[in-house]
Amino acid sequence: MNVALKILEKKALGKLRKDKRSINSDNPYEEWVDVGKNGKTKRKKRERPIPEGLSRNDAKILRKVRKRAYRWDQGFGCCCFGFRFGWSAIIGLVPVVGDAIELLMSLALIKSASKVDGGLPKRLYSMMVTNIIIDFATGFVPLIGDLVDVFYRANTRNAWLLDAYLSEKAKALREGALQDPDTGNKIRVPSELQVAPGDRDVEQGVESMAMAEPARSTPAVVPPARTPAPRGNAPPPSASRTATTPGRSLTGQRPGGGPWDPRDR
């Protein structure tokens, strides 16, 4: 496990050195892409995609760290001077108390980043803490410290460190092995870093239609309603129901004669 983390650490730092982007000025949460519409190409801003192959936990943490780092360091723009600043610079203007709040915010960001599967490599974790210490120390210098805080952007630096690490981790998970950049040797991805198929993150949180579609069930067969027979076709009353009581008649006469009885009506 330690060997695997060291290899991922080397590859992540190598990726940051290889890319010519500035890790303290590029937006870690959003990116500009070319979109073609009606034969014209336009620039559109969108959320940066999550590397394919990460677990839901790692993807969730990466999105959270990216978004918070952007809000704290680059959430607002200045049209007059052409630079961006965030809540970290605004809160840092308050003497002592502002610097303490800014420190707690940055430490909370590192704590969230360290909850990825398998944890963070020690060197990357130390680099994140160092960025915060430098930012916190310069904040005590009046005026100059606030300007340094605007341009140093410790949270953005830490977000790019996490992004580089998880990008290399996702690549290793897709390939099923880690390759040491120094020796070229390959080792199997440790079980602590492996991701179950059902725990993989779906891009931008959109699940497949097969998972979202409800199960189809066969509708129950409803028996047809019984239609009552018309009255004209009703069978004649049975003889048992038309038979009169022996010894009585509707005409008032007793069969075989005899005195009239009122009950015969």
C-alpha atoms as a PDB file:
ATOM      1  CA  MET A   1       0.000   0.000   0.000  1.00  0.00           C
ATOM      2  CA  ASN A   2       2.790   2.446   0.891  1.00  0.00           C
ATOM      3  CA  VAL A   3       4.637   1.634  -2.328  1.00  0.00           C
ATOM      4  CA  ALA A   4       1.489   2.264  -4.360  1.00  0.00           C
ATOM      5  CA  LEU A   5       0.906   5.642  -2.700  1.00  0.00           C
ATOM      6  CA  LYS A   6       4.508   6.686  -3.372  1.00  0.00           C
ATOM      7  CA  ILE A   7       4.167   5.769  -7.036  1.00  0.00           C
ATOM      8  CA  LEU A   8       0.937   7.737  -7.347  1.00  0.00           C
ATOM      9  CA  GLU A   9       2.608  10.623  -5.553  1.00  0.00           C
ATOM     10  CA  LYS A  10       5.518  10.678  -8.037  1.00  0.00           C
ATOM     11  CA  LYS A  11       3.219  10.514 -11.031  1.00  0.00           C
ATOM     12  CA  ALA A  12       0.973  13.276  -9.660  1.00  0.00           C
ATOM     13  CA  LEU A  13       3.856  15.655  -9.023  1.00  0.00           C
ATOM     14  CA  GLY A  14       5.334  14.790 -12.416  1.00  0.00           C
ATOM     15  CA  LYS A  15       2.021  15.636 -14.050  1.00  0.00           C
ATOM     16  CA  LEU A  16       1.910  19.049 -12.383  1.00  0.00           C
ATOM     17  CA  ARG A  17       5.458  19.806 -13.541  1.00  0.00           C
ATOM     18  CA  LYS A  18       4.729  18.617 -17.055  1.00  0.00           C
ATOM     19  CA  ASP A  19       1.597  20.720 -17.482  1.00  0.00           C
ATOM     20  CA  LYS A  20       2.434  24.341 -18.242  1.00  0.00           C
ATOM     21  CA  ARG A  21      -0.632  25.660 -16.455  1.00  0.00           C
ATOM     22  CA  SER A  22      -0.244  27.712 -13.301  1.00  0.00           C
ATOM     23  CA  ILE A  23      -1.581  25.779 -10.321  1.00  0.00           C
ATOM     24  CA  ASN A  24      -2.485  28.963  -8.456  1.00  0.00           C
ATOM     25  CA  SER A  25      -4.346  30.814 -11.215  1.00  0.00           C
ATOM     26  CA  ASP A  26      -6.243  28.230 -13.287  1.00  0.00           C
ATOM     27  CA  ASN A  27      -9.849  27.634 -12.268  1.00  0.00           C
ATOM     28  CA  PRO A  28      -9.917  24.180 -10.636  1.00  0.00           C
ATOM     29  CA  TYR A  29     -13.720  23.909 -10.831  1.00  0.00           C
ATOM     30  CA  GLU A  30     -14.631  25.098 -14.339  1.00  0.00           C
ATOM     31  CA  GLU A  31     -13.092  25.126 -17.813  1.00  0.00           C
ATOM     32  CA  TRP A  32     -13.725  26.773 -21.182  1.00  0.00           C
ATOM     33  CA  VAL A  33     -14.670  24.551 -24.127  1.00  0.00           C
ATOM     34  CA  ASP A  34     -15.452  25.224 -27.799  1.00  0.00           C
ATOM     35  CA  VAL A  35     -19.074  24.540 -28.695  1.00  0.00           C
ATOM     36  CA  GLY A  36     -20.233  24.505 -32.326  1.00  0.00           C
ATOM     37  CA  LYS A  37     -23.712  25.865 -33.023  1.00  0.00           C
ATOM     38  CA  ASN A  38     -25.255  26.911 -36.375  1.00  0.00           C
ATOM     39  CA  GLY A  39     -21.874  26.685 -38.062  1.00  0.00           C
ATOM     40  CA  LYS A  40     -20.236  28.956 -35.494  1.00  0.00           C
ATOM     41  CA  THR A  41     -17.859  28.094 -32.681  1.00  0.00           C
ATOM     42  CA  LYS A  42     -18.449  29.650 -29.297  1.00  0.00           C
ATOM     43  CA  ARG A  43     -16.625  29.452 -26.003  1.00  0.00           C
ATOM     44  CA  LYS A  44     -18.676  28.049 -23.139  1.00  0.00           C
ATOM     45  CA  LYS A  45     -17.809  27.479 -19.502  1.00  0.00           C
ATOM     46  CA  ARG A  46     -18.623  24.114 -17.929  1.00  0.00           C
ATOM     47  CA  GLU A  47     -17.722  22.079 -14.855  1.00  0.00           C
ATOM     48  CA  ARG A  48     -14.519  20.099 -15.216  1.00  0.00           C
ATOM     49  CA  PRO A  49     -15.254  16.395 -15.773  1.00  0.00           C
ATOM     50  CA  ILE A  50     -14.368  13.844 -13.110  1.00  0.00           C
ATOM     51  CA  PRO A  51     -11.707  11.291 -14.143  1.00  0.00           C
ATOM     52  CA  GLU A  52     -13.376   8.057 -15.191  1.00  0.00           C
ATOM     53  CA  GLY A  53     -12.878   5.092 -12.875  1.00  0.00           C
ATOM     54  CA  LEU A  54     -13.021   6.797  -9.474  1.00  0.00           C
ATOM     55  CA  SER A  55     -15.361   5.649  -6.735  1.00  0.00           C
ATOM     56  CA  ARG A  56     -18.386   7.699  -5.763  1.00  0.00           C
ATOM     57  CA  ASN A  57     -16.617   8.811  -2.589  1.00  0.00           C
ATOM     58  CA  ASP A  58     -13.493  10.053  -4.418  1.00  0.00           C
ATOM     59  CA  ALA A  59     -15.561  11.793  -7.102  1.00  0.00           C
ATOM     60  CA  LYS A  60     -17.720  13.506  -4.487  1.00  0.00           C
ATOM     61  CA  ILE A  61     -14.678  14.742  -2.565  1.00  0.00           C
ATOM     62  CA  LEU A  62     -12.968  16.018  -5.724  1.00  0.00           C
ATOM     63  CA  ARG A  63     -16.055  18.012  -6.737  1.00  0.00           C
ATOM     64  CA  LYS A  64     -16.368  19.434  -3.226  1.00  0.00           C
ATOM     65  CA  VAL A  65     -12.710  20.499  -2.992  1.00  0.00           C
ATOM     66  CA  ARG A  66     -12.710  22.008  -6.473  1.00  0.00           C
ATOM     67  CA  LYS A  67     -15.841  24.047  -5.845  1.00  0.00           C
ATOM     68  CA  ARG A  68     -14.810  25.341  -2.421  1.00  0.00           C
ATOM     69  CA  ALA A  69     -11.310  26.250  -3.580  1.00  0.00           C
ATOM     70  CA  TYR A  70     -12.774  28.234  -6.468  1.00  0.00           C
ATOM     71  CA  ARG A  71     -15.224  30.099  -4.221  1.00  0.00           C
ATOM     72  CA  TRP A  72     -12.625  30.903  -1.585  1.00  0.00           C
ATOM     73  CA  ASP A  73      -9.917  32.057  -4.017  1.00  0.00           C
ATOM     74  CA  GLN A  74     -11.552  33.095  -7.312  1.00  0.00           C
ATOM     75  CA  GLY A  75     -15.268  33.492  -6.698  1.00  0.00           C
ATOM     76  CA  PHE A  76     -15.343  37.216  -7.612  1.00  0.00           C
ATOM     77  CA  GLY A  77     -13.871  39.161 -10.497  1.00  0.00           C
ATOM     78  CA  CYS A  78     -12.489  42.684 -10.666  1.00  0.00           C
ATOM     79  CA  CYS A  79     -13.247  44.394 -13.971  1.00  0.00           C
ATOM     80  CA  CYS A  80     -10.871  47.278 -13.285  1.00  0.00           C
ATOM     81  CA  PHE A  81      -7.678  45.294 -12.620  1.00  0.00           C
ATOM     82  CA  GLY A  82      -8.446  41.994 -14.375  1.00  0.00           C
ATOM     83  CA  PHE A  83      -7.779  39.619 -11.482  1.00  0.00           C
ATOM     84  CA  ARG A  84     -10.029  37.389  -9.415  1.00  0.00           C
ATOM     85  CA  PHE A  85     -10.393  37.014  -5.656  1.00  0.00           C
ATOM     86  CA  GLY A  86     -12.619  35.061  -3.306  1.00  0.00           C
ATOM     87  CA  TRP A  87     -14.043  34.951   0.184  1.00  0.00           C
ATOM     88  CA  SER A  88     -10.634  34.137   1.586  1.00  0.00           C
ATOM     89  CA  ALA A  89      -9.280  37.552   0.590  1.00  0.00           C
ATOM     90  CA  ILE A  90     -12.370  39.357   1.871  1.00  0.00           C
ATOM     91  CA  ILE A  91     -12.368  37.650   5.258  1.00  0.00           C
ATOM     92  CA  GLY A  92      -8.594  38.128   5.540  1.00  0.00           C
ATOM     93  CA  LEU A  93      -9.072  41.902   5.614  1.00  0.00           C
ATOM     94  CA  VAL A  94     -10.319  41.602   9.202  1.00  0.00           C
ATOM     95  CA  PRO A  95      -7.221  41.721  11.462  1.00  0.00           C
ATOM     96  CA  VAL A  96      -6.368  38.548  13.400  1.00  0.00           C
ATOM     97  CA  VAL A  97      -9.922  37.183  13.452  1.00  0.00           C
ATOM     98  CA  GLY A  98     -10.111  37.095   9.661  1.00  0.00           C
ATOM     99  CA  ASP A  99      -6.777  35.268   9.402  1.00  0.00           C
ATOM    100  CA  ALA A 100      -7.919  32.711  11.977  1.00  0.00           C
ATOM    101  CA  ILE A 101     -11.171  32.051  10.078  1.00  0.00           C
ATOM    102  CA  GLU A 102      -9.258  31.763   6.824  1.00  0.00           C
ATOM    103  CA  LEU A 103      -6.926  29.215   8.421  1.00  0.00           C
ATOM    104  CA  LEU A 104      -9.835  27.086   9.640  1.00  0.00           C
ATOM    105  CA  MET A 105     -11.432  27.166   6.199  1.00  0.00           C
ATOM    106  CA  SER A 106      -8.229  25.973   4.545  1.00  0.00           C
ATOM    107  CA  LEU A 107      -7.689  23.211   7.121  1.00  0.00           C
ATOM    108  CA  ALA A 108     -11.265  22.013   6.573  1.00  0.00           C
ATOM    109  CA  LEU A 109     -10.488  21.725   2.867  1.00  0.00           C
ATOM    110  CA  ILE A 110      -7.467  19.513   3.573  1.00  0.00           C
ATOM    111  CA  LYS A 111      -9.498  17.398   5.968  1.00  0.00           C
ATOM    112  CA  SER A 112     -12.060  16.767   3.242  1.00  0.00           C
ATOM    113  CA  ALA A 113      -9.331  15.900   0.724  1.00  0.00           C
ATOM    114  CA  SER A 114      -7.745  13.380   3.102  1.00  0.00           C
ATOM    115  CA  LYS A 115     -10.985  11.333   3.209  1.00  0.00           C
ATOM    116  CA  VAL A 116     -10.395   9.814  -0.244  1.00  0.00           C
ATOM    117  CA  ASP A 117     -10.191   6.019  -0.434  1.00  0.00           C
ATOM    118  CA  GLY A 118      -6.822   4.895   0.908  1.00  0.00           C
ATOM    119  CA  GLY A 119      -5.945   8.390   2.175  1.00  0.00           C
ATOM    120  CA  LEU A 120      -3.484  10.885   0.738  1.00  0.00           C
ATOM    121  CA  PRO A 121       0.263  10.251   0.295  1.00  0.00           C
ATOM    122  CA  LYS A 122       2.282  11.831   3.093  1.00  0.00           C
ATOM    123  CA  ARG A 123       4.239  14.126   0.798  1.00  0.00           C
ATOM    124  CA  LEU A 124       1.146  15.536  -0.875  1.00  0.00           C
ATOM    125  CA  TYR A 125      -0.485  16.038   2.520  1.00  0.00           C
ATOM    126  CA  SER A 126       2.637  17.865   3.760  1.00  0.00           C
ATOM    127  CA  MET A 127       2.664  20.076   0.674  1.00  0.00           C
ATOM    128  CA  MET A 128      -0.962  21.064   1.284  1.00  0.00           C
ATOM    129  CA  VAL A 129      -0.246  21.972   4.892  1.00  0.00           C
ATOM    130  CA  THR A 130       2.837  23.953   3.809  1.00  0.00           C
ATOM    131  CA  ASN A 131       0.771  26.004   1.373  1.00  0.00           C
ATOM    132  CA  ILE A 132      -1.601  26.935   4.184  1.00  0.00           C
ATOM    133  CA  ILE A 133       1.205  27.845   6.574  1.00  0.00           C
ATOM    134  CA  ILE A 134       2.799  30.150   3.990  1.00  0.00           C
ATOM    135  CA  ASP A 135      -0.530  31.806   3.288  1.00  0.00           C
ATOM    136  CA  PHE A 136      -1.306  32.195   6.992  1.00  0.00           C
ATOM    137  CA  ALA A 137       2.142  33.597   7.857  1.00  0.00           C
ATOM    138  CA  THR A 138       2.107  36.238   5.138  1.00  0.00           C
ATOM    139  CA  GLY A 139      -1.383  37.306   6.183  1.00  0.00           C
ATOM    140  CA  PHE A 140      -0.040  38.933   9.342  1.00  0.00           C
ATOM    141  CA  VAL A 141       1.896  41.507   7.302  1.00  0.00           C
ATOM    142  CA  PRO A 142      -0.342  44.577   6.970  1.00  0.00           C
ATOM    143  CA  LEU A 143      -1.606  45.312   3.454  1.00  0.00           C
ATOM    144  CA  ILE A 144       1.208  43.378   1.740  1.00  0.00           C
ATOM    145  CA  GLY A 145       0.012  40.142   3.343  1.00  0.00           C
ATOM    146  CA  ASP A 146      -3.487  40.676   1.969  1.00  0.00           C
ATOM    147  CA  LEU A 147      -2.112  41.206  -1.545  1.00  0.00           C
ATOM    148  CA  VAL A 148       0.022  38.075  -1.293  1.00  0.00           C
ATOM    149  CA  ASP A 149      -3.035  36.145  -0.152  1.00  0.00           C
ATOM    150  CA  VAL A 150      -4.958  37.233  -3.269  1.00  0.00           C
ATOM    151  CA  PHE A 151      -2.269  35.985  -5.663  1.00  0.00           C
ATOM    152  CA  TYR A 152      -0.819  33.018  -3.748  1.00  0.00           C
ATOM    153  CA  ARG A 153      -4.151  31.121  -3.481  1.00  0.00           C
ATOM    154  CA  ALA A 154      -3.251  28.213  -1.219  1.00  0.00           C
ATOM    155  CA  ASN A 155      -6.646  26.556  -1.603  1.00  0.00           C
ATOM    156  CA  THR A 156      -6.381  26.518  -5.399  1.00  0.00           C
ATOM    157  CA  ARG A 157      -2.903  24.980  -5.173  1.00  0.00           C
ATOM    158  CA  ASN A 158      -4.210  22.237  -2.884  1.00  0.00           C
ATOM    159  CA  ALA A 159      -7.167  21.563  -5.194  1.00  0.00           C
ATOM    160  CA  TRP A 160      -4.783  21.003  -8.124  1.00  0.00           C
ATOM    161  CA  LEU A 161      -2.635  18.681  -6.003  1.00  0.00           C
ATOM    162  CA  LEU A 162      -5.697  16.561  -5.226  1.00  0.00           C
ATOM    163  CA  ASP A 163      -6.798  16.695  -8.868  1.00  0.00           C
ATOM    164  CA  ALA A 164      -3.421  15.431 -10.118  1.00  0.00           C
ATOM    165  CA  TYR A 165      -3.345  12.627  -7.549  1.00  0.00           C
ATOM    166  CA  LEU A 166      -6.866  11.374  -8.256  1.00  0.00           C
ATOM    167  CA  SER A 167      -6.307  11.611 -12.020  1.00  0.00           C
ATOM    168  CA  GLU A 168      -3.327   9.263 -11.762  1.00  0.00           C
ATOM    169  CA  LYS A 169      -5.270   7.028  -9.389  1.00  0.00           C
ATOM    170  CA  ALA A 170      -8.159   6.775 -11.853  1.00  0.00           C
ATOM    171  CA  LYS A 171      -5.741   5.882 -14.656  1.00  0.00           C
ATOM    172  CA  ALA A 172      -4.205   3.121 -12.528  1.00  0.00           C
ATOM    173  CA  LEU A 173      -7.644   1.744 -11.684  1.00  0.00           C
ATOM    174  CA  ARG A 174      -8.599   1.597 -15.366  1.00  0.00           C
ATOM    175  CA  GLU A 175      -5.387  -0.207 -16.273  1.00  0.00           C
ATOM    176  CA  GLY A 176      -5.420  -2.446 -13.186  1.00  0.00           C
ATOM    177  CA  ALA A 177      -1.743  -1.824 -12.390  1.00  0.00           C
ATOM    178  CA  LEU A 178       0.682   0.890 -11.266  1.00  0.00           C
ATOM    179  CA  GLN A 179       3.902   1.608 -13.160  1.00  0.00           C
ATOM    180  CA  ASP A 180       6.832   3.150 -11.344  1.00  0.00           C
ATOM    181  CA  PRO A 181       8.053   6.138 -13.417  1.00  0.00           C
ATOM    182  CA  ASP A 182      11.659   5.570 -12.232  1.00  0.00           C
ATOM    183  CA  THR A 183      12.109   1.794 -12.607  1.00  0.00           C
ATOM    184  CA  GLY A 184       9.291   0.947 -15.004  1.00  0.00           C
ATOM    185  CA  ASN A 185       8.138  -1.917 -12.770  1.00  0.00           C
ATOM    186  CA  LYS A 186       4.422  -2.636 -12.508  1.00  0.00           C
ATOM    187  CA  ILE A 187       2.578  -3.642  -9.381  1.00  0.00           C
ATOM    188  CA  ARG A 188      -1.030  -4.631  -8.876  1.00  0.00           C
ATOM    189  CA  VAL A 189      -3.401  -2.005  -7.524  1.00  0.00           C
ATOM    190  CA  PRO A 190      -3.816  -2.672  -3.762  1.00  0.00           C
ATOM    191  CA  SER A 191      -7.206  -3.778  -2.533  1.00  0.00           C
ATOM    192  CA  GLU A 192      -7.502  -0.576  -0.441  1.00  0.00           C
ATOM    193  CA  LEU A 193      -7.566   1.458  -3.654  1.00  0.00           C
ATOM    194  CA  GLN A 194      -9.694  -0.835  -5.793  1.00  0.00           C
ATOM    195  CA  VAL A 195     -13.266   0.125  -6.590  1.00  0.00           C
ATOM    196  CA  ALA A 196     -16.203  -2.254  -6.787  1.00  0.00           C
ATOM    197  CA  PRO A 197     -18.100  -2.114 -10.119  1.00  0.00           C
ATOM    198  CA  GLY A 198     -21.271  -0.955  -8.399  1.00  0.00           C
ATOM    199  CA  ASP A 199     -19.413   1.836  -6.564  1.00  0.00           C
ATOM    200  CA  ARG A 200     -17.964   3.542  -9.622  1.00  0.00           C
ATOM    201  CA  ASP A 201     -18.949   7.142 -10.207  1.00  0.00           C
ATOM    202  CA  VAL A 202     -21.165   8.008 -13.163  1.00  0.00           C
ATOM    203  CA  GLU A 203     -20.081  11.133 -15.033  1.00  0.00           C
ATOM    204  CA  GLN A 204     -21.738  14.293 -13.674  1.00  0.00           C
ATOM    205  CA  GLY A 205     -24.021  12.163 -11.470  1.00  0.00           C
ATOM    206  CA  VAL A 206     -26.200  10.945 -14.388  1.00  0.00           C
ATOM    207  CA  GLU A 207     -27.122   7.292 -13.985  1.00  0.00           C
ATOM    208  CA  SER A 208     -27.792   4.968 -16.874  1.00  0.00           C
ATOM    209  CA  MET A 209     -31.330   4.530 -18.116  1.00  0.00           C
ATOM    210  CA  ALA A 210     -31.206   0.844 -17.308  1.00  0.00           C
ATOM    211  CA  MET A 211     -30.728   1.663 -13.624  1.00  0.00           C
ATOM    212  CA  ALA A 212     -33.328   4.412 -13.569  1.00  0.00           C
ATOM    213  CA  GLU A 213     -36.022   2.576 -15.578  1.00  0.00           C
ATOM    214  CA  PRO A 214     -38.645   0.958 -13.327  1.00  0.00           C
ATOM    215  CA  ALA A 215     -39.208  -2.760 -13.604  1.00  0.00           C
ATOM    216  CA  ARG A 216     -41.982  -3.741 -15.952  1.00  0.00           C
ATOM    217  CA  SER A 217     -44.706  -5.927 -14.459  1.00  0.00           C
ATOM    218  CA  THR A 218     -47.442  -7.819 -16.288  1.00  0.00           C
ATOM    219  CA  PRO A 219     -50.823  -6.179 -15.583  1.00  0.00           C
ATOM    220  CA  ALA A 220     -53.263  -8.341 -13.703  1.00  0.00           C
ATOM    221  CA  VAL A 221     -56.098  -9.835 -15.789  1.00  0.00           C
ATOM    222  CA  VAL A 222     -59.387  -8.226 -14.818  1.00  0.00           C
ATOM    223  CA  PRO A 223     -62.429 -10.506 -15.359  1.00  0.00           C
ATOM    224  CA  PRO A 224     -65.159  -8.954 -17.521  1.00  0.00           C
ATOM    225  CA  ALA A 225     -68.152  -7.517 -15.713  1.00  0.00           C
ATOM    226  CA  ARG A 226     -71.298  -9.619 -15.753  1.00  0.00           C
ATOM    227  CA  THR A 227     -74.153  -8.055 -17.698  1.00  0.00           C
ATOM    228  CA  PRO A 228     -77.579  -8.708 -16.127  1.00  0.00           C
ATOM    229  CA  ALA A 229     -80.027 -10.563 -18.372  1.00  0.00           C
ATOM    230  CA  PRO A 230     -82.892  -8.428 -19.695  1.00  0.00           C
ATOM    231  CA  ARG A 231     -86.245  -8.833 -18.018  1.00  0.00           C
ATOM    232  CA  GLY A 232     -87.998  -9.965 -21.183  1.00  0.00           C
ATOM    233  CA  ASN A 233     -85.939 -13.130 -21.290  1.00  0.00           C
ATOM    234  CA  ALA A 234     -86.443 -13.959 -17.630  1.00  0.00           C
ATOM    235  CA  PRO A 235     -87.500 -17.564 -17.061  1.00  0.00           C
ATOM    236  CA  PRO A 236     -91.108 -18.153 -15.919  1.00  0.00           C
ATOM    237  CA  PRO A 237     -91.623 -18.524 -12.226  1.00  0.00           C
ATOM    238  CA  SER A 238     -91.361 -22.014 -10.947  1.00  0.00           C
ATOM    239  CA  ALA A 239     -94.426 -23.985 -10.061  1.00  0.00           C
ATOM    240  CA  SER A 240     -93.415 -24.100  -6.477  1.00  0.00           C
ATOM    241  CA  ARG A 241     -93.625 -20.306  -6.208  1.00  0.00           C
ATOM    242  CA  THR A 242     -97.030 -20.028  -7.971  1.00  0.00           C
ATOM    243  CA  ALA A 243     -98.664 -22.793  -6.035  1.00  0.00           C
ATOM    244  CA  THR A 244    -101.115 -21.533  -3.510  1.00  0.00           C
ATOM    245  CA  THR A 245    -101.570 -22.758  -0.066  1.00  0.00           C
ATOM    246  CA  PRO A 246    -103.685 -25.851  -0.022  1.00  0.00           C
ATOM    247  CA  GLY A 247    -107.340 -25.161   0.862  1.00  0.00           C
ATOM    248  CA  ARG A 248    -107.176 -21.439  -0.217  1.00  0.00           C
ATOM    249  CA  SER A 249    -108.136 -19.592  -3.440  1.00  0.00           C
ATOM    250  CA  LEU A 250    -107.862 -16.033  -4.674  1.00  0.00           C
ATOM    251  CA  THR A 251    -111.504 -16.043  -5.753  1.00  0.00           C
ATOM    252  CA  GLY A 252    -112.765 -16.453  -2.211  1.00  0.00           C
ATOM    253  CA  GLN A 253    -114.163 -19.925  -2.888  1.00  0.00           C
ATOM    254  CA  ARG A 254    -112.847 -22.979  -1.154  1.00  0.00           C
ATOM    255  CA  PRO A 255    -112.069 -25.861  -3.437  1.00  0.00           C
ATOM    256  CA  GLY A 256    -114.714 -28.526  -2.958  1.00  0.00           C
ATOM    257  CA  GLY A 257    -117.127 -26.009  -1.381  1.00  0.00           C
ATOM    258  CA  GLY A 258    -117.508 -25.027   2.212  1.00  0.00           C
ATOM    259  CA  PRO A 259    -118.042 -21.785   4.167  1.00  0.00           C
ATOM    260  CA  TRP A 260    -116.190 -18.616   3.173  1.00  0.00           C
ATOM    261  CA  ASP A 261    -113.061 -17.763   5.220  1.00  0.00           C
ATOM    262  CA  PRO A 262    -111.617 -14.170   5.344  1.00  0.00           C
ATOM    263  CA  ARG A 263    -108.126 -15.563   5.201  1.00  0.00           C
ATOM    264  CA  ASP A 264    -108.843 -16.766   1.631  1.00  0.00           C
ATOM    265  CA  ARG A 265    -108.428 -13.205   0.262  1.00  0.00           C
END
